C-alpha atoms as a PDB file:
ATOM      1  CA  MET A   1      -0.194   0.120   0.068  1.00  0.00           C
ATOM      2  CA  LEU A   2       1.045   3.423  -0.750  1.00  0.00           C
ATOM      3  CA  ALA A   3       1.716   6.078   2.008  1.00  0.00           C
ATOM      4  CA  PRO A   4      -0.555   9.502   1.257  1.00  0.00           C
ATOM      5  CA  PRO A   5       1.100  12.417  -0.198  1.00  0.00           C
ATOM      6  CA  ARG A   6       2.963  14.567   1.984  1.00  0.00           C
ATOM      7  CA  SER A   7       1.504  18.192   2.806  1.00  0.00           C
ATOM      8  CA  THR A   8       3.886  20.684   1.141  1.00  0.00           C
ATOM      9  CA  THR A   9       2.985  23.128   3.930  1.00  0.00           C
ATOM     10  CA  SER A  10       4.264  20.628   6.885  1.00  0.00           C
ATOM     11  CA  THR A  11       5.516  22.084  10.146  1.00  0.00           C
ATOM     12  CA  ARG A  12       8.028  19.567  10.495  1.00  0.00           C
ATOM     13  CA  PRO A  13      11.659  20.162   9.194  1.00  0.00           C
ATOM     14  CA  PRO A  14      13.146  18.117   6.703  1.00  0.00           C
ATOM     15  CA  LEU A  15      14.889  14.863   7.611  1.00  0.00           C
ATOM     16  CA  SER A  16      18.064  16.384   6.749  1.00  0.00           C
ATOM     17  CA  PHE A  17      17.601  18.969   9.468  1.00  0.00           C
ATOM     18  CA  LYS A  18      20.364  19.143  12.062  1.00  0.00           C
ATOM     19  CA  PRO A  19      19.826  20.881  15.325  1.00  0.00           C
ATOM     20  CA  VAL A  20      21.907  24.013  15.998  1.00  0.00           C
ATOM     21  CA  VAL A  21      24.585  23.215  19.019  1.00  0.00           C
ATOM     22  CA  LYS A  22      25.591  26.539  20.508  1.00  0.00           C
ATOM     23  CA  PRO A  23      29.292  26.678  22.161  1.00  0.00           C
ATOM     24  CA  VAL A  24      29.269  26.456  26.016  1.00  0.00           C
ATOM     25  CA  VAL A  25      30.371  29.809  26.949  1.00  0.00           C
ATOM     26  CA  VAL A  26      32.797  29.482  30.304  1.00  0.00           C
ATOM     27  CA  LYS A  27      32.519  32.933  32.120  1.00  0.00           C
ATOM     28  CA  PRO A  28      36.077  33.894  33.266  1.00  0.00           C
ATOM     29  CA  ALA A  29      37.000  33.516  37.097  1.00  0.00           C
ATOM     30  CA  ALA A  30      36.645  36.292  39.572  1.00  0.00           C
ATOM     31  CA  THR A  31      39.504  38.838  39.293  1.00  0.00           C
ATOM     32  CA  PHE A  32      39.954  38.713  42.867  1.00  0.00           C
ATOM     33  CA  PRO A  33      39.382  36.142  45.518  1.00  0.00           C
ATOM     34  CA  PRO A  34      36.670  35.688  47.971  1.00  0.00           C
ATOM     35  CA  GLY A  35      36.521  38.403  50.900  1.00  0.00           C
ATOM     36  CA  ALA A  36      38.656  41.044  48.663  1.00  0.00           C
ATOM     37  CA  LEU A  37      37.014  44.463  48.389  1.00  0.00           C
ATOM     38  CA  VAL A  38      39.029  45.641  45.221  1.00  0.00           C
ATOM     39  CA  PRO A  39      40.764  43.859  42.545  1.00  0.00           C
ATOM     40  CA  GLY A  40      44.409  43.228  43.448  1.00  0.00           C
ATOM     41  CA  GLN A  41      43.742  42.607  47.112  1.00  0.00           C
ATOM     42  CA  ARG A  42      44.769  39.121  48.803  1.00  0.00           C
ATOM     43  CA  PRO A  43      43.023  38.573  51.949  1.00  0.00           C
ATOM     44  CA  ASP A  44      45.224  35.628  52.485  1.00  0.00           C
ATOM     45  CA  LEU A  45      48.415  37.735  52.668  1.00  0.00           C
ATOM     46  CA  ALA A  46      49.772  40.062  55.143  1.00  0.00           C
ATOM     47  CA  LEU A  47      50.160  43.527  54.321  1.00  0.00           C
ATOM     48  CA  ASN A  48      53.867  44.862  53.903  1.00  0.00           C
ATOM     49  CA  SER A  49      54.912  47.620  56.093  1.00  0.00           C
ATOM     50  CA  ALA A  50      54.294  50.516  53.495  1.00  0.00           C
ATOM     51  CA  GLN A  51      50.742  48.884  52.962  1.00  0.00           C
ATOM     52  CA  PHE A  52      49.762  48.755  56.430  1.00  0.00           C
ATOM     53  CA  ALA A  53      51.123  52.554  57.150  1.00  0.00           C
ATOM     54  CA  ALA A  54      48.877  53.360  54.157  1.00  0.00           C
ATOM     55  CA  ALA A  55      45.771  51.606  55.581  1.00  0.00           C
ATOM     56  CA  ARG A  56      46.248  53.133  59.202  1.00  0.00           C
ATOM     57  CA  ALA A  57      46.566  56.515  57.297  1.00  0.00           C
ATOM     58  CA  ALA A  58      43.459  55.839  54.985  1.00  0.00           C
ATOM     59  CA  ARG A  59      41.597  54.355  57.884  1.00  0.00           C
ATOM     60  CA  ALA A  60      42.105  57.766  60.028  1.00  0.00           C
ATOM     61  CA  SER A  61      41.593  60.241  56.746  1.00  0.00           C
ATOM     62  CA  GLY A  62      38.302  58.139  55.902  1.00  0.00           C
ATOM     63  CA  THR A  63      36.931  58.215  59.283  1.00  0.00           C
ATOM     64  CA  ALA A  64      37.755  61.993  59.924  1.00  0.00           C
ATOM     65  CA  GLN A  65      35.632  62.353  56.429  1.00  0.00           C
ATOM     66  CA  GLY A  66      32.805  60.906  57.940  1.00  0.00           C
ATOM     67  CA  MET A  67      32.655  57.391  56.439  1.00  0.00           C
ATOM     68  CA  SER A  68      31.623  54.101  57.887  1.00  0.00           C
ATOM     69  CA  GLY A  69      30.852  50.397  57.137  1.00  0.00           C
ATOM     70  CA  ARG A  70      31.748  49.270  53.710  1.00  0.00           C
ATOM     71  CA  GLN A  71      32.407  52.626  52.027  1.00  0.00           C
ATOM     72  CA  LEU A  72      35.378  53.060  54.799  1.00  0.00           C
ATOM     73  CA  GLU A  73      36.645  49.673  54.306  1.00  0.00           C
ATOM     74  CA  VAL A  74      37.077  49.817  50.289  1.00  0.00           C
ATOM     75  CA  TYR A  75      38.686  53.320  50.690  1.00  0.00           C
ATOM     76  CA  VAL A  76      41.362  51.476  53.278  1.00  0.00           C
ATOM     77  CA  ALA A  77      41.630  48.591  50.693  1.00  0.00           C
ATOM     78  CA  GLN A  78      42.446  51.141  47.758  1.00  0.00           C
ATOM     79  CA  ALA A  79      44.767  52.921  49.744  1.00  0.00           C
ATOM     80  CA  ALA A  80      46.630  49.639  50.932  1.00  0.00           C
ATOM     81  CA  MET A  81      46.660  48.455  47.401  1.00  0.00           C
ATOM     82  CA  ASN A  82      47.875  51.592  45.994  1.00  0.00           C
ATOM     83  CA  ALA A  83      50.808  51.548  48.389  1.00  0.00           C
ATOM     84  CA  LYS A  84      52.507  48.500  46.747  1.00  0.00           C
END
């Protein structure tokens, strides 16, 4: 027995249809480790003497400017990282 003729308005793709496979995009790792407030900061390493002095001065300066909380901590971390 013969199969009924196919309709030309079929919604099925032709048999030669191959699904489009998109490549997996891997996001780059964070530029700084967890706990770091600014790029380049390494919370797992101790500050050297120049960084420690810069951090103390920045904390005093930031407190005098009325900073507190995270804003102050980021300010101090930036000053310490710039003192390398």
